Protein backbone atom coordinates (compact mmCIF):
# COMPACT_ATOMS: atom_id res chain seq x y z
CA UNK A 1 174.41 46.63 223.96
CA UNK A 2 174.25 45.66 220.28
CA UNK A 3 175.75 46.93 217.05
CA UNK A 4 173.77 48.79 214.39
CA UNK A 5 173.62 48.74 210.60
CA UNK A 6 172.28 51.86 208.89
CA UNK A 7 170.77 51.47 205.41
CA UNK A 8 171.00 54.86 203.72
CA UNK A 9 170.58 54.39 199.99
CA UNK A 10 166.93 55.34 199.58
CA UNK A 11 166.42 57.32 196.35
CA UNK A 12 163.63 59.74 195.51
CA UNK A 13 162.59 60.29 191.91
CA UNK A 14 159.44 62.29 192.57
CA UNK A 15 158.37 65.57 194.15
CA UNK A 16 161.14 65.71 196.76
CA UNK A 17 163.92 65.46 194.19
CA UNK A 18 162.14 67.89 191.87
CA UNK A 19 161.71 70.46 194.66
CA UNK A 20 165.09 70.13 196.40
CA UNK A 21 167.42 68.73 193.76
CA UNK A 22 168.46 66.05 196.27
CA UNK A 23 168.18 62.45 195.10
CA UNK A 24 169.19 60.50 198.22
CA UNK A 25 166.65 61.05 200.98
CA UNK A 26 169.27 60.69 203.71
CA UNK A 27 171.01 63.80 202.30
CA UNK A 28 167.99 66.07 202.69
CA UNK A 29 168.68 68.86 205.17
CA UNK A 30 166.66 69.12 208.35
CA UNK A 31 167.67 71.58 211.04
CA UNK A 32 170.74 72.58 209.04
CA UNK A 33 172.14 69.04 208.75
CA UNK A 34 171.70 66.12 206.34
CA UNK A 35 169.33 63.56 207.81
CA UNK A 36 172.02 60.87 207.83
CA UNK A 37 174.11 62.93 210.26
CA UNK A 38 171.11 63.24 212.55
CA UNK A 39 170.56 59.47 212.49
CA UNK A 40 174.21 58.74 213.24
CA UNK A 41 174.27 61.31 216.06
CA UNK A 42 171.28 59.60 217.68
CA UNK A 43 172.98 56.21 217.40
CA UNK A 44 176.18 57.58 218.95
CA UNK A 45 174.11 58.99 221.78
CA UNK A 46 172.29 55.70 222.43
CA UNK A 47 173.72 53.75 225.34
CA UNK A 48 172.37 50.46 223.92
CA UNK A 49 174.31 50.76 220.63
CA UNK A 50 177.96 49.84 220.15
CA UNK A 51 179.57 49.90 216.73
CA UNK A 52 177.81 51.42 213.73
CA UNK A 53 178.08 50.19 210.14
CA UNK A 54 176.87 52.48 207.34
CA UNK A 55 175.61 50.86 204.13
CA UNK A 56 175.36 53.72 201.65
CA UNK A 57 176.50 54.92 198.22
CA UNK A 58 179.49 57.23 197.96
CA UNK A 59 177.58 60.56 197.89
CA UNK A 60 176.08 59.70 201.28
CA UNK A 61 179.36 58.37 202.67
CA UNK A 62 181.07 61.61 201.68
CA UNK A 63 179.07 63.75 204.14
CA UNK A 64 179.76 61.44 207.11
CA UNK A 65 182.81 61.85 209.31
CA UNK A 66 184.99 58.93 210.40
CA UNK A 67 184.00 59.60 214.01
CA UNK A 68 180.33 58.98 213.21
CA UNK A 69 180.74 55.41 211.93
CA UNK A 70 182.96 52.43 212.65
CA UNK A 71 182.56 50.56 209.36
CA UNK A 72 181.69 51.80 205.89
CA UNK A 73 179.98 49.30 203.59
CA UNK A 74 179.54 49.53 199.85
CA UNK A 75 175.92 48.72 198.93
CA UNK A 76 174.90 46.26 196.26
CA UNK A 77 173.26 47.27 193.01
CA UNK A 78 170.12 49.32 193.59
CA UNK A 79 170.96 50.18 197.21
CA UNK A 80 167.91 50.91 199.30
CA UNK A 81 166.73 51.50 202.81
CA UNK A 82 164.03 49.51 204.58
CA UNK A 83 161.30 51.33 202.76
CA UNK A 84 162.34 51.25 199.12
CA UNK A 85 163.57 49.06 196.34
CA UNK A 86 163.43 45.47 195.23
CA UNK A 87 163.44 42.61 197.70
CA UNK A 88 166.75 41.11 196.59
CA UNK A 89 168.56 44.46 196.81
CA UNK A 90 167.08 45.24 200.22
CA UNK A 91 168.03 41.86 201.69
CA UNK A 92 171.51 42.01 200.17
CA UNK A 93 172.20 45.37 201.79
CA UNK A 94 170.75 44.27 205.12
CA UNK A 95 173.02 41.21 205.04
CA UNK A 96 176.03 43.35 204.14
CA UNK A 97 175.34 45.66 207.06
CA UNK A 98 174.75 42.86 209.55
CA UNK A 99 177.90 41.02 208.51
CA UNK A 100 179.97 44.20 208.80
CA UNK A 101 179.17 44.61 212.50
CA UNK A 102 181.26 42.98 215.22
CA UNK A 103 181.28 39.15 214.93
CA UNK A 104 180.47 38.78 218.62
CA UNK A 105 177.21 40.71 218.27
CA UNK A 106 174.44 38.09 217.99
CA UNK A 107 171.64 40.65 217.61
CA UNK A 108 171.96 43.65 215.29
CA UNK A 109 169.81 46.76 214.99
CA UNK A 110 168.97 47.56 211.37
CA UNK A 111 167.66 51.08 210.85
CA UNK A 112 167.11 53.37 207.89
CA UNK A 113 169.08 56.53 207.24
CA UNK A 114 166.06 58.75 206.52
CA UNK A 115 164.66 59.26 210.04
CA UNK A 116 165.14 63.01 210.57
CA UNK A 117 163.87 63.19 214.16
CA UNK A 118 165.17 59.93 215.62
CA UNK A 119 166.41 60.18 219.23
CA UNK A 120 168.70 58.10 221.47
CA UNK A 121 165.75 57.45 223.80
CA UNK A 122 163.70 55.91 220.97
CA UNK A 123 166.60 53.70 219.94
CA UNK A 124 167.38 52.58 223.49
CA UNK A 125 163.77 51.71 224.21
CA UNK A 126 163.38 49.67 221.03
CA UNK A 127 166.63 47.76 221.56
CA UNK A 128 165.84 46.95 225.19
CA UNK A 129 162.35 45.70 224.37
CA UNK A 130 163.66 43.67 221.42
CA UNK A 131 166.35 41.95 223.44
CA UNK A 132 163.89 41.23 226.25
CA UNK A 133 161.58 39.50 223.73
CA UNK A 134 164.37 37.02 222.84
CA UNK A 135 163.08 37.03 219.25
CA UNK A 136 165.16 36.43 216.14
CA UNK A 137 163.19 39.19 214.43
CA UNK A 138 161.72 42.20 216.24
CA UNK A 139 159.82 44.89 214.37
CA UNK A 140 158.83 48.31 215.70
CA UNK A 141 155.18 49.41 215.57
CA UNK A 142 153.82 52.74 216.83
CA UNK A 143 150.29 53.37 218.16
CA UNK A 144 148.30 55.84 216.09
CA UNK A 145 147.55 58.02 219.10
CA UNK A 146 151.27 58.40 219.88
CA UNK A 147 152.07 59.33 216.30
CA UNK A 148 149.27 61.87 215.93
CA UNK A 149 149.91 63.40 219.34
CA UNK A 150 153.56 64.06 218.49
CA UNK A 151 153.08 64.93 214.82
CA UNK A 152 149.66 66.54 214.36
CA UNK A 153 148.93 66.93 210.69
CA UNK A 154 151.29 64.16 209.67
CA UNK A 155 149.98 61.44 207.38
CA UNK A 156 151.03 57.83 207.95
CA UNK A 157 149.68 54.47 206.86
CA UNK A 158 147.91 52.65 209.68
CA UNK A 159 146.65 49.12 210.24
CA UNK A 160 143.72 48.58 212.59
CA UNK A 161 143.85 45.48 214.77
CA UNK A 162 141.70 44.33 217.64
CA UNK A 163 144.44 45.57 220.00
CA UNK A 164 144.61 49.04 218.50
CA UNK A 165 145.71 50.94 215.40
CA UNK A 166 149.40 51.02 214.50
CA UNK A 167 151.89 52.27 211.95
CA UNK A 168 155.17 50.56 211.18
CA UNK A 169 158.56 51.71 212.39
CA UNK A 170 161.74 51.87 210.35
CA UNK A 171 163.84 49.61 212.51
CA UNK A 172 164.24 45.91 213.18
CA UNK A 173 166.45 43.89 215.47
CA UNK A 174 167.60 40.61 213.93
CA UNK A 175 170.02 37.83 214.71
CA UNK A 176 172.88 37.08 212.37
CA UNK A 177 171.71 33.50 211.88
CA UNK A 178 168.20 34.64 210.95
CA UNK A 179 169.45 36.96 208.20
CA UNK A 180 171.84 34.32 206.86
CA UNK A 181 169.32 31.45 206.86
CA UNK A 182 166.21 33.37 205.75
CA UNK A 183 167.52 35.65 203.01
CA UNK A 184 165.27 34.16 200.32
CA UNK A 185 162.15 34.42 202.47
CA UNK A 186 162.97 38.00 203.49
CA UNK A 187 163.33 38.95 199.85
CA UNK A 188 160.00 37.35 198.94
CA UNK A 189 158.18 39.09 201.79
CA UNK A 190 159.68 42.46 200.94
CA UNK A 191 158.91 42.12 197.24
CA UNK A 192 155.31 41.10 198.00
CA UNK A 193 154.57 43.85 200.51
CA UNK A 194 152.44 45.87 198.05
CA UNK A 195 150.79 42.93 196.27
CA UNK A 196 147.74 41.44 198.04
CA UNK A 197 147.89 38.37 195.79
CA UNK A 198 151.55 37.65 196.51
CA UNK A 199 151.05 38.30 200.22
CA UNK A 200 148.08 35.93 200.27
CA UNK A 201 150.22 33.22 198.70
CA UNK A 202 152.82 33.65 201.45
CA UNK A 203 150.68 34.51 204.48
CA UNK A 204 147.49 32.67 203.56
CA UNK A 205 144.18 34.05 202.31
CA UNK A 206 142.44 33.65 205.68
CA UNK A 207 145.14 35.73 207.34
CA UNK A 208 144.84 38.48 204.71
CA UNK A 209 141.06 38.58 205.14
CA UNK A 210 141.48 38.88 208.91
CA UNK A 211 143.89 41.76 208.40
CA UNK A 212 141.58 43.59 205.98
CA UNK A 213 138.56 43.16 208.27
CA UNK A 214 140.50 44.32 211.36
CA UNK A 215 139.84 41.01 213.08
CA UNK A 216 143.41 40.07 213.98
CA UNK A 217 145.31 40.57 217.24
CA UNK A 218 149.02 41.24 217.67
CA UNK A 219 149.38 37.77 219.18
CA UNK A 220 147.87 36.19 216.06
CA UNK A 221 150.19 38.17 213.81
CA UNK A 222 153.23 37.16 215.85
CA UNK A 223 152.12 33.51 215.76
CA UNK A 224 151.70 33.64 211.98
CA UNK A 225 155.10 35.29 211.59
CA UNK A 226 156.72 32.60 213.71
CA UNK A 227 155.12 29.88 211.59
CA UNK A 228 156.36 31.44 208.35
CA UNK A 229 159.91 32.28 209.35
CA UNK A 230 160.27 29.25 211.65
CA UNK A 231 161.86 31.44 214.30
CA UNK A 232 160.72 33.64 217.23
CA UNK A 233 159.25 36.96 216.06
CA UNK A 234 157.95 39.92 218.05
CA UNK A 235 156.06 43.14 217.34
CA UNK A 236 157.56 45.77 219.61
CA UNK A 237 155.18 48.58 220.56
CA UNK A 238 157.10 51.85 220.69
CA UNK A 239 155.61 55.07 222.01
CA UNK A 240 158.41 57.02 220.29
CA UNK A 241 156.79 58.02 216.97
CA UNK A 242 160.07 59.39 215.64
CA UNK A 243 161.03 55.74 215.06
CA UNK A 244 158.47 55.58 212.26
CA UNK A 245 158.74 59.13 210.92
CA UNK A 246 160.64 58.90 207.65
CA UNK A 247 160.67 61.29 204.70
CA UNK A 248 158.70 59.84 201.79
CA UNK A 249 156.83 62.98 200.73
CA UNK A 250 157.41 66.72 200.60
CA UNK A 251 154.90 67.14 203.44
CA UNK A 252 157.08 64.85 205.59
CA UNK A 253 160.11 67.04 204.88
CA UNK A 254 158.25 70.25 205.78
CA UNK A 255 156.92 68.67 208.98
CA UNK A 256 160.36 67.41 209.98
CA UNK A 257 161.85 70.87 209.52
CA UNK A 258 159.05 72.34 211.65
CA UNK A 259 159.78 70.00 214.55
CA UNK A 260 163.56 69.84 214.22
CA UNK A 261 164.43 72.37 216.92
CA UNK A 262 162.41 70.61 219.62
CA UNK A 263 163.97 67.25 218.77
CA UNK A 264 167.52 68.61 218.57
CA UNK A 265 167.43 69.26 222.29
CA UNK A 266 167.05 65.49 222.85
CA UNK A 267 170.21 64.50 220.98
């Protein structure tokens, strides 16, 4: 069992906010509840999760009961979830969440607060696999076939490797020491995620070319990650696509609302 830190400050300034009037994505309603309540309910129902720390601005904190969280954490400037914002702000809020969990918890689950269909089963499976890997950094990836089977019509960003085609999840398991010692590197990687040039400078041009030409394997990616972060890293294959289903677009919100009833029975 490990503790969890929920990052729930993701802000929308586009079509979602214009359509719904809701700025924080974790406050969007799905199945009659704000998404953040759904995420916290899934964490409370997960046998592999102990205490829960919520890193979120006050409007998000206000809709969450004291029973749903153990620790409330004020975010830094420009609070963001895993999928939004500047590198420094993201890493700062991750560090705040990790440090707020129980001191005896070596590994911590870090998950975003905008996963409307997340289930205890998905969380338990990811945590168990991550701990079994003995990595300092474990990142969830979901096979394309699993995602499209569960969410037909959904649009996600995929990367094709020699082992298969995957989309990224919205959860990591990290050690406290890794977050403390590698804050600068984490910030650089996060800031560079959408810049091929910056990524090439960090990862190496040959690696980027291999990624673009679909010539890499998961083992090669893990090896490169270990070399960069100087610590064990693992890509955890999850067949629970709800772990990577966040709300970035209006279509995501409509799809989540369509599937909400079937997922509610799993909470």
